[in-house]
């Protein structure tokens, strides 16, 4: 399995209004280092997984809809918790929707999204295209 990873950063505000989240129940900000890894069983005719620039553009476009937003007011999170894990899945689904619509994206096996909140804590989500 071959992979290509691009990394970008975005910032959000949100609250997690459940007791389990302790002080994060209140409004707070978070800066996420986002890594999106695209996977392919075999390289394409250009001997790459995906064009790095195109991959970065897709990730930037998806993150633009979240960057500097209050997720408590974001329509896609209405009635949902915006935990790091939930954000990772949201980003994976959004990136997959865009990348699979492109010609080269049809041959991908899947993608992984890792969101790093701090150097010591992160969460992720794996989307396996072949299992769908």
Protein backbone atom coordinates (compact mmCIF):
# COMPACT_ATOMS: atom_id res chain seq x y z
CA UNK A 1 0.00 0.00 0.00
CA UNK A 2 1.35 3.41 -0.99
CA UNK A 3 0.47 6.62 0.82
CA UNK A 4 0.74 10.38 0.47
CA UNK A 5 0.18 12.72 3.41
CA UNK A 6 -0.50 16.44 3.36
CA UNK A 7 -0.64 18.59 6.48
CA UNK A 8 -2.54 21.79 7.15
CA UNK A 9 -3.65 23.75 10.23
CA UNK A 10 -7.02 25.21 11.16
CA UNK A 11 -8.57 26.90 14.19
CA UNK A 12 -12.05 26.57 15.65
CA UNK A 13 -14.09 27.56 18.66
CA UNK A 14 -16.59 25.21 20.26
CA UNK A 15 -17.96 23.82 23.50
CA UNK A 16 -18.55 20.23 24.52
CA UNK A 17 -21.54 20.54 26.89
CA UNK A 18 -21.34 17.24 28.75
CA UNK A 19 -19.88 16.55 32.18
CA UNK A 20 -17.34 14.07 30.81
CA UNK A 21 -15.52 16.94 29.06
CA UNK A 22 -14.72 18.82 32.30
CA UNK A 23 -13.47 22.34 31.59
CA UNK A 24 -13.97 21.85 27.83
CA UNK A 25 -17.72 22.09 28.47
CA UNK A 26 -17.38 25.84 28.13
CA UNK A 27 -16.54 27.75 24.99
CA UNK A 28 -12.87 27.36 24.06
CA UNK A 29 -10.62 27.49 21.06
CA UNK A 30 -8.57 24.75 19.46
CA UNK A 31 -5.89 24.73 16.82
CA UNK A 32 -5.60 21.47 14.93
CA UNK A 33 -2.69 20.23 12.89
CA UNK A 34 -4.47 18.14 10.28
CA UNK A 35 -2.83 15.28 8.44
CA UNK A 36 -4.70 13.63 5.59
CA UNK A 37 -3.13 10.46 4.23
CA UNK A 38 -4.34 9.14 0.89
CA UNK A 39 -3.81 5.41 0.27
CA UNK A 40 -3.52 3.51 -3.01
CA UNK A 41 -2.67 -0.15 -3.62
CA UNK A 42 -0.66 0.62 -6.76
CA UNK A 43 0.79 3.84 -8.08
CA UNK A 44 -1.03 5.51 -10.96
CA UNK A 45 0.40 5.91 -14.47
CA UNK A 46 2.44 8.90 -13.25
CA UNK A 47 4.01 6.75 -10.47
CA UNK A 48 2.28 8.72 -7.70
CA UNK A 49 -0.55 8.20 -5.24
CA UNK A 50 -2.05 11.59 -6.02
CA UNK A 51 -0.70 14.97 -7.05
CA UNK A 52 0.56 16.65 -3.86
CA UNK A 53 -0.72 20.07 -4.94
CA UNK A 54 -4.17 18.75 -5.79
CA UNK A 55 -4.35 16.83 -2.51
CA UNK A 56 -3.38 19.95 -0.57
CA UNK A 57 -5.93 22.07 -2.43
CA UNK A 58 -8.75 19.66 -1.53
CA UNK A 59 -7.77 19.59 2.13
CA UNK A 60 -7.50 23.39 2.23
CA UNK A 61 -10.93 23.75 0.65
CA UNK A 62 -12.53 21.43 3.20
CA UNK A 63 -10.78 23.11 6.13
CA UNK A 64 -11.78 26.57 4.88
CA UNK A 65 -15.35 25.71 5.84
CA UNK A 66 -14.20 25.13 9.45
CA UNK A 67 -11.34 27.57 9.93
CA UNK A 68 -12.07 30.38 12.40
CA UNK A 69 -15.64 29.12 12.82
CA UNK A 70 -17.62 28.56 16.00
CA UNK A 71 -18.72 24.96 15.53
CA UNK A 72 -21.55 25.46 18.02
CA UNK A 73 -23.10 27.64 15.29
CA UNK A 74 -21.96 25.57 12.28
CA UNK A 75 -24.98 24.00 10.52
CA UNK A 76 -23.18 20.69 9.94
CA UNK A 77 -22.73 20.24 13.70
CA UNK A 78 -26.23 21.24 14.80
CA UNK A 79 -27.25 18.82 17.53
CA UNK A 80 -23.89 17.03 17.34
CA UNK A 81 -20.77 17.13 19.46
CA UNK A 82 -17.73 18.50 17.68
CA UNK A 83 -15.16 16.28 19.39
CA UNK A 84 -11.79 15.75 17.77
CA UNK A 85 -12.89 12.28 16.67
CA UNK A 86 -16.12 13.62 15.15
CA UNK A 87 -14.17 16.37 13.35
CA UNK A 88 -11.75 13.78 11.93
CA UNK A 89 -14.65 11.83 10.46
CA UNK A 90 -16.30 14.97 9.11
CA UNK A 91 -13.08 15.99 7.36
CA UNK A 92 -12.50 12.47 6.00
CA UNK A 93 -16.00 12.31 4.54
CA UNK A 94 -15.71 15.80 3.02
CA UNK A 95 -12.28 15.14 1.50
CA UNK A 96 -13.42 11.77 0.17
CA UNK A 97 -16.46 13.36 -1.44
CA UNK A 98 -14.28 15.79 -3.35
CA UNK A 99 -11.36 13.53 -4.18
CA UNK A 100 -13.44 10.60 -5.41
CA UNK A 101 -15.29 12.90 -7.77
CA UNK A 102 -11.98 13.57 -9.53
CA UNK A 103 -10.70 11.08 -12.07
CA UNK A 104 -7.55 10.13 -10.14
CA UNK A 105 -9.45 9.75 -6.85
CA UNK A 106 -11.43 6.76 -8.09
CA UNK A 107 -8.43 4.47 -7.70
CA UNK A 108 -7.70 5.35 -4.08
CA UNK A 109 -8.09 2.61 -1.47
CA UNK A 110 -8.95 5.04 1.32
CA UNK A 111 -7.72 7.86 3.46
CA UNK A 112 -6.81 8.59 7.05
CA UNK A 113 -7.33 11.84 8.91
CA UNK A 114 -5.32 12.64 12.03
CA UNK A 115 -6.09 15.76 14.06
CA UNK A 116 -3.36 16.77 16.49
CA UNK A 117 -4.61 19.04 19.27
CA UNK A 118 -1.26 19.10 21.05
CA UNK A 119 2.06 17.35 20.48
CA UNK A 120 0.87 14.83 23.11
CA UNK A 121 -2.75 14.21 22.09
CA UNK A 122 -4.47 13.43 18.79
CA UNK A 123 -7.35 11.48 17.30
CA UNK A 124 -8.06 10.09 13.87
CA UNK A 125 -10.45 8.41 11.53
CA UNK A 126 -9.81 5.89 8.75
CA UNK A 127 -12.09 5.75 5.73
CA UNK A 128 -11.67 2.53 3.76
CA UNK A 129 -13.12 2.98 0.26
CA UNK A 130 -12.83 -0.72 -0.47
CA UNK A 131 -15.05 -1.66 2.48
CA UNK A 132 -17.93 0.49 1.22
